[in-house]
PDB file of N, CA and C in Angstrom:
ATOM      1  N   MET A   1     110.452  99.836 111.597  1.00  0.00           N
ATOM      2  CA  MET A   1     111.377  99.676 110.407  1.00  0.00           C
ATOM      3  C   MET A   1     110.441  98.818 109.625  1.00  0.00           C
ATOM      4  N   ILE A   2     111.000  99.292 108.061  1.00  0.00           N
ATOM      5  CA  ILE A   2     110.468  98.581 107.010  1.00  0.00           C
ATOM      6  C   ILE A   2     111.059  97.874 106.145  1.00  0.00           C
ATOM      7  N   ARG A   3     110.551  96.318 106.313  1.00  0.00           N
ATOM      8  CA  ARG A   3     111.245  95.110 105.368  1.00  0.00           C
ATOM      9  C   ARG A   3     110.689  95.328 104.034  1.00  0.00           C
ATOM     10  N   VAL A   4     111.543  95.366 103.144  1.00  0.00           N
ATOM     11  CA  VAL A   4     110.976  95.170 101.520  1.00  0.00           C
ATOM     12  C   VAL A   4     111.184  94.021 100.963  1.00  0.00           C
ATOM     13  N   GLN A   5     110.588  93.071 100.405  1.00  0.00           N
ATOM     14  CA  GLN A   5     111.064  91.823 100.112  1.00  0.00           C
ATOM     15  C   GLN A   5     111.990  92.014  98.894  1.00  0.00           C
ATOM     16  N   GLY A   6     113.113  91.408  99.139  1.00  0.00           N
ATOM     17  CA  GLY A   6     114.194  91.278  98.151  1.00  0.00           C
ATOM     18  C   GLY A   6     115.134  92.382  98.224  1.00  0.00           C
ATOM     19  N   ARG A   7     114.940  93.022  99.417  1.00  0.00           N
ATOM     20  CA  ARG A   7     116.023  93.919 100.132  1.00  0.00           C
ATOM     21  C   ARG A   7     116.851  93.449 101.448  1.00  0.00           C
ATOM     22  N   ALA A   8     118.087  93.557 101.478  1.00  0.00           N
ATOM     23  CA  ALA A   8     118.713  92.914 102.605  1.00  0.00           C
ATOM     24  C   ALA A   8     118.750  93.886 104.131  1.00  0.00           C
ATOM     25  N   GLU A   9     118.315  95.006 103.901  1.00  0.00           N
ATOM     26  CA  GLU A   9     118.493  95.916 104.858  1.00  0.00           C
ATOM     27  C   GLU A   9     117.144  96.715 104.957  1.00  0.00           C
ATOM     28  N   PRO A  10     116.667  96.730 106.367  1.00  0.00           N
ATOM     29  CA  PRO A  10     115.227  97.478 106.339  1.00  0.00           C
ATOM     30  C   PRO A  10     115.423  98.881 106.294  1.00  0.00           C
ATOM     31  N   LEU A  11     114.486  99.651 106.079  1.00  0.00           N
ATOM     32  CA  LEU A  11     114.094 101.025 105.652  1.00  0.00           C
ATOM     33  C   LEU A  11     113.722 101.503 107.253  1.00  0.00           C
ATOM     34  N   PRO A  12     114.150 102.656 107.557  1.00  0.00           N
ATOM     35  CA  PRO A  12     113.603 103.291 108.908  1.00  0.00           C
ATOM     36  C   PRO A  12     111.998 103.486 108.588  1.00  0.00           C
ATOM     37  N   SER A  13     111.136 103.821 109.680  1.00  0.00           N
ATOM     38  CA  SER A  13     109.893 104.294 108.985  1.00  0.00           C
ATOM     39  C   SER A  13     109.387 105.260 109.860  1.00  0.00           C
ATOM     40  N   ASN A  14     108.601 106.050 109.669  1.00  0.00           N
ATOM     41  CA  ASN A  14     108.175 107.338 110.109  1.00  0.00           C
ATOM     42  C   ASN A  14     106.910 107.680 109.875  1.00  0.00           C
ATOM     43  N   PRO A  15     106.029 107.605 111.089  1.00  0.00           N
ATOM     44  CA  PRO A  15     104.512 107.655 110.891  1.00  0.00           C
ATOM     45  C   PRO A  15     103.924 108.759 110.283  1.00  0.00           C
ATOM     46  N   ALA A  16     104.779 110.278 110.087  1.00  0.00           N
ATOM     47  CA  ALA A  16     104.276 111.166 109.187  1.00  0.00           C
ATOM     48  C   ALA A  16     104.652 111.298 107.791  1.00  0.00           C
ATOM     49  N   VAL A  17     105.183 110.053 107.333  1.00  0.00           N
ATOM     50  CA  VAL A  17     105.618 109.688 106.093  1.00  0.00           C
ATOM     51  C   VAL A  17     104.850 108.966 105.316  1.00  0.00           C
ATOM     52  N   SER A  18     104.645 108.891 104.085  1.00  0.00           N
ATOM     53  CA  SER A  18     104.118 107.873 103.450  1.00  0.00           C
ATOM     54  C   SER A  18     105.015 107.002 102.938  1.00  0.00           C
ATOM     55  N   LEU A  19     104.281 105.665 103.110  1.00  0.00           N
ATOM     56  CA  LEU A  19     105.332 104.559 102.403  1.00  0.00           C
ATOM     57  C   LEU A  19     106.059 104.850 100.938  1.00  0.00           C
ATOM     58  N   LEU A  20     105.312 105.581 100.326  1.00  0.00           N
ATOM     59  CA  LEU A  20     105.681 105.935  98.968  1.00  0.00           C
ATOM     60  C   LEU A  20     107.068 106.873  99.094  1.00  0.00           C
ATOM     61  N   VAL A  21     106.840 107.764  99.861  1.00  0.00           N
ATOM     62  CA  VAL A  21     108.019 108.857 100.197  1.00  0.00           C
ATOM     63  C   VAL A  21     109.222 107.954 100.638  1.00  0.00           C
ATOM     64  N   SER A  22     108.744 107.126 101.818  1.00  0.00           N
ATOM     65  CA  SER A  22     110.081 106.453 102.474  1.00  0.00           C
ATOM     66  C   SER A  22     110.742 105.758 101.404  1.00  0.00           C
ATOM     67  N   LEU A  23     109.945 104.850 100.356  1.00  0.00           N
ATOM     68  CA  LEU A  23     110.359 104.106  99.579  1.00  0.00           C
ATOM     69  C   LEU A  23     111.332 104.757  98.595  1.00  0.00           C
ATOM     70  N   GLN A  24     110.838 106.052  97.933  1.00  0.00           N
ATOM     71  CA  GLN A  24     111.750 106.657  97.219  1.00  0.00           C
ATOM     72  C   GLN A  24     112.984 107.405  97.754  1.00  0.00           C
ATOM     73  N   ARG A  25     113.010 107.691  99.020  1.00  0.00           N
ATOM     74  CA  ARG A  25     114.062 108.293  99.893  1.00  0.00           C
ATOM     75  C   ARG A  25     115.239 107.445  99.925  1.00  0.00           C
ATOM     76  N   HIS A  26     114.777 106.146  99.953  1.00  0.00           N
ATOM     77  CA  HIS A  26     115.880 104.964 100.194  1.00  0.00           C
ATOM     78  C   HIS A  26     115.806 104.300  98.644  1.00  0.00           C
ATOM     79  N   GLY A  27     115.670 104.746  97.456  1.00  0.00           N
ATOM     80  CA  GLY A  27     116.032 104.151  96.402  1.00  0.00           C
ATOM     81  C   GLY A  27     115.529 102.766  95.813  1.00  0.00           C
ATOM     82  N   VAL A  28     114.218 102.692  96.465  1.00  0.00           N
ATOM     83  CA  VAL A  28     113.468 101.414  96.244  1.00  0.00           C
ATOM     84  C   VAL A  28     112.676 101.738  95.136  1.00  0.00           C
ATOM     85  N   PRO A  29     113.142 100.940  94.131  1.00  0.00           N
ATOM     86  CA  PRO A  29     112.076 101.315  92.915  1.00  0.00           C
ATOM     87  C   PRO A  29     110.510 100.868  93.034  1.00  0.00           C
ATOM     88  N   ILE A  30     109.945 102.421  92.729  1.00  0.00           N
ATOM     89  CA  ILE A  30     108.204 102.120  92.773  1.00  0.00           C
ATOM     90  C   ILE A  30     107.829 103.149  91.823  1.00  0.00           C
ATOM     91  N   ASP A  31     106.888 102.708  91.212  1.00  0.00           N
ATOM     92  CA  ASP A  31     106.218 103.756  90.356  1.00  0.00           C
ATOM     93  C   ASP A  31     105.106 104.658  90.638  1.00  0.00           C
ATOM     94  N   THR A  32     105.023 105.833  90.261  1.00  0.00           N
ATOM     95  CA  THR A  32     103.607 106.640  90.509  1.00  0.00           C
ATOM     96  C   THR A  32     103.851 107.533  89.505  1.00  0.00           C
ATOM     97  N   VAL A  33     102.671 108.192  88.933  1.00  0.00           N
ATOM     98  CA  VAL A  33     102.442 109.371  87.878  1.00  0.00           C
ATOM     99  C   VAL A  33     101.644 110.461  88.488  1.00  0.00           C
ATOM    100  N   CYS A  34     101.009 109.775  89.585  1.00  0.00           N
ATOM    101  CA  CYS A  34      99.995 110.770  90.265  1.00  0.00           C
ATOM    102  C   CYS A  34     100.529 111.869  91.409  1.00  0.00           C
ATOM    103  N   GLY A  35     101.405 111.472  91.663  1.00  0.00           N
ATOM    104  CA  GLY A  35     102.245 112.329  92.657  1.00  0.00           C
ATOM    105  C   GLY A  35     101.497 112.095  94.301  1.00  0.00           C
ATOM    106  N   GLY A  36     101.288 110.881  94.038  1.00  0.00           N
ATOM    107  CA  GLY A  36     100.254 110.300  95.729  1.00  0.00           C
ATOM    108  C   GLY A  36      99.243 110.675  95.961  1.00  0.00           C
ATOM    109  N   ARG A  37      98.350 110.930  94.929  1.00  0.00           N
ATOM    110  CA  ARG A  37      96.787 111.040  95.148  1.00  0.00           C
ATOM    111  C   ARG A  37      96.048 110.006  95.031  1.00  0.00           C
ATOM    112  N   ALA A  38      96.518 108.566  95.316  1.00  0.00           N
ATOM    113  CA  ALA A  38      95.371 107.754  95.122  1.00  0.00           C
ATOM    114  C   ALA A  38      94.957 107.447  93.520  1.00  0.00           C
ATOM    115  N   GLN A  39      95.287 108.240  92.812  1.00  0.00           N
ATOM    116  CA  GLN A  39      94.729 108.156  91.222  1.00  0.00           C
ATOM    117  C   GLN A  39      95.330 107.207  90.444  1.00  0.00           C
ATOM    118  N   CYS A  40      96.523 106.732  90.318  1.00  0.00           N
ATOM    119  CA  CYS A  40      97.050 105.680  89.056  1.00  0.00           C
ATOM    120  C   CYS A  40      97.598 104.444  89.726  1.00  0.00           C
ATOM    121  N   GLY A  41      97.303 104.127  91.032  1.00  0.00           N
ATOM    122  CA  GLY A  41      97.433 102.960  91.408  1.00  0.00           C
ATOM    123  C   GLY A  41      98.926 102.020  91.008  1.00  0.00           C
ATOM    124  N   ARG A  42      99.712 102.780  90.621  1.00  0.00           N
ATOM    125  CA  ARG A  42     100.881 102.321  90.279  1.00  0.00           C
ATOM    126  C   ARG A  42     101.673 102.302  91.684  1.00  0.00           C
ATOM    127  N   CYS A  43     101.874 102.587  92.557  1.00  0.00           N
ATOM    128  CA  CYS A  43     102.456 102.342  93.977  1.00  0.00           C
ATOM    129  C   CYS A  43     101.753 101.191  94.680  1.00  0.00           C
ATOM    130  N   LEU A  44     101.328 100.316  93.970  1.00  0.00           N
ATOM    131  CA  LEU A  44     100.636  98.909  94.742  1.00  0.00           C
ATOM    132  C   LEU A  44     101.439  98.178  95.397  1.00  0.00           C
ATOM    133  N   ILE A  45     101.274  97.919  96.653  1.00  0.00           N
ATOM    134  CA  ILE A  45     102.162  96.926  97.432  1.00  0.00           C
ATOM    135  C   ILE A  45     101.211  95.782  98.291  1.00  0.00           C
ATOM    136  N   ARG A  46     102.315  94.707  98.510  1.00  0.00           N
ATOM    137  CA  ARG A  46     101.202  93.749  99.360  1.00  0.00           C
ATOM    138  C   ARG A  46     102.035  93.891 100.826  1.00  0.00           C
ATOM    139  N   VAL A  47     101.195  93.810 101.415  1.00  0.00           N
ATOM    140  CA  VAL A  47     101.652  93.978 102.990  1.00  0.00           C
ATOM    141  C   VAL A  47     101.698  92.611 103.513  1.00  0.00           C
ATOM    142  N   LEU A  48     102.852  92.083 103.920  1.00  0.00           N
ATOM    143  CA  LEU A  48     103.189  90.745 104.159  1.00  0.00           C
ATOM    144  C   LEU A  48     103.182  90.427 105.583  1.00  0.00           C
ATOM    145  N   ALA A  49     103.398  91.326 106.468  1.00  0.00           N
ATOM    146  CA  ALA A  49     103.410  91.587 108.079  1.00  0.00           C
ATOM    147  C   ALA A  49     103.330  92.879 108.526  1.00  0.00           C
ATOM    148  N   GLY A  50     102.587  92.905 109.608  1.00  0.00           N
ATOM    149  CA  GLY A  50     102.349  94.413 110.193  1.00  0.00           C
ATOM    150  C   GLY A  50     101.140  95.297 109.727  1.00  0.00           C
ATOM    151  N   SER A  51     100.117  94.558 109.129  1.00  0.00           N
ATOM    152  CA  SER A  51      99.126  95.471 108.737  1.00  0.00           C
ATOM    153  C   SER A  51      98.354  96.292 109.852  1.00  0.00           C
ATOM    154  N   GLU A  52      98.593  95.606 111.093  1.00  0.00           N
ATOM    155  CA  GLU A  52      97.718  96.417 112.025  1.00  0.00           C
ATOM    156  C   GLU A  52      98.119  97.475 112.743  1.00  0.00           C
ATOM    157  N   ARG A  53      99.614  97.817 111.981  1.00  0.00           N
ATOM    158  CA  ARG A  53     100.425  98.886 112.825  1.00  0.00           C
ATOM    159  C   ARG A  53      99.938  99.902 111.471  1.00  0.00           C
ATOM    160  N   MET A  54      99.317  99.759 110.452  1.00  0.00           N
ATOM    161  CA  MET A  54      99.088 100.791 109.356  1.00  0.00           C
ATOM    162  C   MET A  54      97.741 101.434 109.821  1.00  0.00           C
ATOM    163  N   ASN A  55      97.718 102.639 109.014  1.00  0.00           N
ATOM    164  CA  ASN A  55      96.483 103.978 108.762  1.00  0.00           C
ATOM    165  C   ASN A  55      95.666 102.726 108.372  1.00  0.00           C
ATOM    166  N   ARG A  56      94.169 103.408 108.448  1.00  0.00           N
ATOM    167  CA  ARG A  56      92.996 102.812 107.635  1.00  0.00           C
ATOM    168  C   ARG A  56      93.204 103.286 106.368  1.00  0.00           C
ATOM    169  N   SER A  57      92.829 102.466 105.163  1.00  0.00           N
ATOM    170  CA  SER A  57      92.390 102.866 103.896  1.00  0.00           C
ATOM    171  C   SER A  57      91.366 103.924 103.967  1.00  0.00           C
ATOM    172  N   GLY A  58      91.349 104.933 103.323  1.00  0.00           N
ATOM    173  CA  GLY A  58      90.195 105.910 103.172  1.00  0.00           C
ATOM    174  C   GLY A  58      89.716 105.678 101.891  1.00  0.00           C
ATOM    175  N   ALA A  59      88.539 106.465 101.419  1.00  0.00           N
ATOM    176  CA  ALA A  59      87.741 106.363 100.320  1.00  0.00           C
ATOM    177  C   ALA A  59      88.282 105.887  99.084  1.00  0.00           C
ATOM    178  N   ALA A  60      89.434 106.990  98.848  1.00  0.00           N
ATOM    179  CA  ALA A  60      89.947 107.249  97.293  1.00  0.00           C
ATOM    180  C   ALA A  60      90.840 106.151  97.136  1.00  0.00           C
ATOM    181  N   GLU A  61      91.803 105.497  98.392  1.00  0.00           N
ATOM    182  CA  GLU A  61      92.428 104.311  98.298  1.00  0.00           C
ATOM    183  C   GLU A  61      91.675 103.016  98.020  1.00  0.00           C
ATOM    184  N   LEU A  62      90.300 103.193  98.858  1.00  0.00           N
ATOM    185  CA  LEU A  62      89.641 102.052  98.514  1.00  0.00           C
ATOM    186  C   LEU A  62      88.818 101.568  97.208  1.00  0.00           C
ATOM    187  N   HIS A  63      88.538 102.899  96.651  1.00  0.00           N
ATOM    188  CA  HIS A  63      88.220 102.996  95.150  1.00  0.00           C
ATOM    189  C   HIS A  63      88.968 102.577  94.164  1.00  0.00           C
ATOM    190  N   ARG A  64      90.164 102.839  94.644  1.00  0.00           N
ATOM    191  CA  ARG A  64      91.391 102.536  93.268  1.00  0.00           C
ATOM    192  C   ARG A  64      91.821 101.194  93.383  1.00  0.00           C
ATOM    193  N   LEU A  65      91.827 100.437  94.773  1.00  0.00           N
ATOM    194  CA  LEU A  65      92.335  99.431  95.025  1.00  0.00           C
ATOM    195  C   LEU A  65      91.139  98.702  94.424  1.00  0.00           C
ATOM    196  N   GLU A  66      89.877  98.769  94.660  1.00  0.00           N
ATOM    197  CA  GLU A  66      88.807  97.793  94.035  1.00  0.00           C
ATOM    198  C   GLU A  66      88.990  98.044  92.333  1.00  0.00           C
ATOM    199  N   SER A  67      89.144  98.933  91.784  1.00  0.00           N
ATOM    200  CA  SER A  67      89.003  98.931  90.316  1.00  0.00           C
ATOM    201  C   SER A  67      90.568  98.483  89.990  1.00  0.00           C
ATOM    202  N   LEU A  68      91.388  98.221  90.683  1.00  0.00           N
ATOM    203  CA  LEU A  68      92.750  97.390  90.335  1.00  0.00           C
ATOM    204  C   LEU A  68      92.423  95.622  90.698  1.00  0.00           C
ATOM    205  N   GLY A  69      91.367  95.667  91.399  1.00  0.00           N
ATOM    206  CA  GLY A  69      90.904  94.048  91.651  1.00  0.00           C
ATOM    207  C   GLY A  69      91.980  93.544  92.808  1.00  0.00           C
ATOM    208  N   ALA A  70      92.444  94.614  93.486  1.00  0.00           N
ATOM    209  CA  ALA A  70      93.565  94.122  94.592  1.00  0.00           C
ATOM    210  C   ALA A  70      92.684  93.094  95.524  1.00  0.00           C
ATOM    211  N   GLY A  71      93.488  92.435  96.386  1.00  0.00           N
ATOM    212  CA  GLY A  71      93.177  91.772  97.433  1.00  0.00           C
ATOM    213  C   GLY A  71      93.208  92.539  98.472  1.00  0.00           C
ATOM    214  N   PRO A  72      92.876  91.809  99.751  1.00  0.00           N
ATOM    215  CA  PRO A  72      92.916  92.627 101.004  1.00  0.00           C
ATOM    216  C   PRO A  72      93.985  92.792 101.789  1.00  0.00           C
ATOM    217  N   ASP A  73      94.973  92.324 101.228  1.00  0.00           N
ATOM    218  CA  ASP A  73      96.505  92.557 101.945  1.00  0.00           C
ATOM    219  C   ASP A  73      97.238  93.631 101.047  1.00  0.00           C
ATOM    220  N   HIS A  74      96.838  94.395  99.915  1.00  0.00           N
ATOM    221  CA  HIS A  74      97.230  95.231  99.119  1.00  0.00           C
ATOM    222  C   HIS A  74      96.816  96.587  99.659  1.00  0.00           C
ATOM    223  N   ARG A  75      97.803  97.429  99.203  1.00  0.00           N
ATOM    224  CA  ARG A  75      97.816  98.987  99.705  1.00  0.00           C
ATOM    225  C   ARG A  75      98.411  99.626  98.782  1.00  0.00           C
ATOM    226  N   LEU A  76      97.726 101.024  98.437  1.00  0.00           N
ATOM    227  CA  LEU A  76      98.704 101.863  97.954  1.00  0.00           C
ATOM    228  C   LEU A  76      99.837 102.667  98.866  1.00  0.00           C
ATOM    229  N   ALA A  77     100.761 102.592  98.271  1.00  0.00           N
ATOM    230  CA  ALA A  77     102.285 103.369  99.414  1.00  0.00           C
ATOM    231  C   ALA A  77     102.046 104.653  99.344  1.00  0.00           C
ATOM    232  N   CYS A  78     101.359 105.379  98.404  1.00  0.00           N
ATOM    233  CA  CYS A  78     100.942 106.808  98.726  1.00  0.00           C
ATOM    234  C   CYS A  78     100.035 107.162  99.842  1.00  0.00           C
ATOM    235  N   GLN A  79      99.285 105.951  99.984  1.00  0.00           N
ATOM    236  CA  GLN A  79      98.262 106.355 101.090  1.00  0.00           C
ATOM    237  C   GLN A  79      98.375 105.606 102.404  1.00  0.00           C
ATOM    238  N   SER A  80      99.633 104.996 102.441  1.00  0.00           N
ATOM    239  CA  SER A  80      99.784 104.004 103.660  1.00  0.00           C
ATOM    240  C   SER A  80     100.993 104.713 104.755  1.00  0.00           C
ATOM    241  N   TYR A  81     100.759 104.338 105.867  1.00  0.00           N
ATOM    242  CA  TYR A  81     101.659 104.884 107.085  1.00  0.00           C
ATOM    243  C   TYR A  81     101.502 103.693 107.956  1.00  0.00           C
ATOM    244  N   THR A  82     102.719 103.697 108.607  1.00  0.00           N
ATOM    245  CA  THR A  82     103.089 102.869 109.407  1.00  0.00           C
ATOM    246  C   THR A  82     103.594 103.333 110.866  1.00  0.00           C
ATOM    247  N   ARG A  83     102.859 102.622 112.031  1.00  0.00           N
ATOM    248  CA  ARG A  83     103.382 103.080 113.433  1.00  0.00           C
ATOM    249  C   ARG A  83     104.401 102.268 114.237  1.00  0.00           C
ATOM    250  N   GLY A  84     104.968 101.312 113.279  1.00  0.00           N
ATOM    251  CA  GLY A  84     106.063 100.204 113.632  1.00  0.00           C
ATOM    252  C   GLY A  84     106.383  99.422 112.789  1.00  0.00           C
ATOM    253  N   ASP A  85     106.839  98.244 112.962  1.00  0.00           N
ATOM    254  CA  ASP A  85     107.309  97.280 111.858  1.00  0.00           C
ATOM    255  C   ASP A  85     106.670  96.902 110.655  1.00  0.00           C
ATOM    256  N   LEU A  86     107.091  96.891 109.905  1.00  0.00           N
ATOM    257  CA  LEU A  86     106.167  96.272 108.575  1.00  0.00           C
ATOM    258  C   LEU A  86     106.966  95.513 107.670  1.00  0.00           C
ATOM    259  N   GLU A  87     106.348  94.365 106.810  1.00  0.00           N
ATOM    260  CA  GLU A  87     106.692  93.851 105.930  1.00  0.00           C
ATOM    261  C   GLU A  87     106.076  93.865 104.597  1.00  0.00           C
ATOM    262  N   ILE A  88     107.041  94.499 103.463  1.00  0.00           N
ATOM    263  CA  ILE A  88     105.907  94.644 102.329  1.00  0.00           C
ATOM    264  C   ILE A  88     106.540  94.023 100.875  1.00  0.00           C
ATOM    265  N   GLN A  89     105.918  93.888 100.039  1.00  0.00           N
ATOM    266  CA  GLN A  89     106.344  93.344  98.585  1.00  0.00           C
ATOM    267  C   GLN A  89     105.800  94.786  97.585  1.00  0.00           C
ATOM    268  N   VAL A  90     106.925  95.183  96.892  1.00  0.00           N
ATOM    269  CA  VAL A  90     106.532  96.226  95.686  1.00  0.00           C
ATOM    270  C   VAL A  90     105.849  95.797  94.473  1.00  0.00           C
ATOM    271  N   ILE A  91     104.920  95.778  93.910  1.00  0.00           N
ATOM    272  CA  ILE A  91     104.065  95.081  93.035  1.00  0.00           C
ATOM    273  C   ILE A  91     104.442  95.788  91.714  1.00  0.00           C
ATOM    274  N   ASN A  92     104.176  96.906  91.831  1.00  0.00           N
ATOM    275  CA  ASN A  92     104.820  97.595  90.383  1.00  0.00           C
ATOM    276  C   ASN A  92     106.254  98.280  90.719  1.00  0.00           C
ATOM    277  N   PRO A  93     107.060  97.719  89.848  1.00  0.00           N
ATOM    278  CA  PRO A  93     108.612  98.520  89.852  1.00  0.00           C
ATOM    279  C   PRO A  93     108.340  99.665  89.379  1.00  0.00           C
ATOM    280  N   ASP A  94     109.459 100.410  89.540  1.00  0.00           N
ATOM    281  CA  ASP A  94     109.513 101.619  88.575  1.00  0.00           C
ATOM    282  C   ASP A  94     109.581 101.408  86.819  1.00  0.00           C
ATOM    283  N   ALA A  95     108.825 102.285  86.522  1.00  0.00           N
ATOM    284  CA  ALA A  95     108.589 101.942  85.165  1.00  0.00           C
ATOM    285  C   ALA A  95     110.058 102.196  84.478  1.00  0.00           C
ATOM    286  N   SER A  96     110.719 102.751  84.959  1.00  0.00           N
ATOM    287  CA  SER A  96     112.127 102.913  83.889  1.00  0.00           C
ATOM    288  C   SER A  96     112.881 101.554  83.814  1.00  0.00           C
ATOM    289  N   THR A  97     112.706 100.375  84.579  1.00  0.00           N
ATOM    290  CA  THR A  97     113.185  99.436  84.387  1.00  0.00           C
ATOM    291  C   THR A  97     112.490  98.123  83.950  1.00  0.00           C
ATOM    292  N   ARG A  98     111.461  98.687  83.056  1.00  0.00           N
ATOM    293  CA  ARG A  98     110.703  97.743  82.186  1.00  0.00           C
ATOM    294  C   ARG A  98     111.207  97.578  81.110  1.00  0.00           C
TER     295      ARG A  98
END
């Protein structure tokens, strides 16, 4: 299950589906303009619990996170997958709500 800070109900997790897609499918506002290619950095999340159940960051994600000045607890939702329970905070909400 994926717990999103500020939402009462957890979301189902699927190890074959990125967190970005899972969040979008369940109506969680999250921004992206690159289509999940680790280029825009707008789908930035903070991992509050469960990072050990996530895939490792690849080179493209690490490069984008570094350019954003993100901390070690940050990930890009488009590049993140989980094999178990996870708690996250969405850092960049959907631009339409700004």
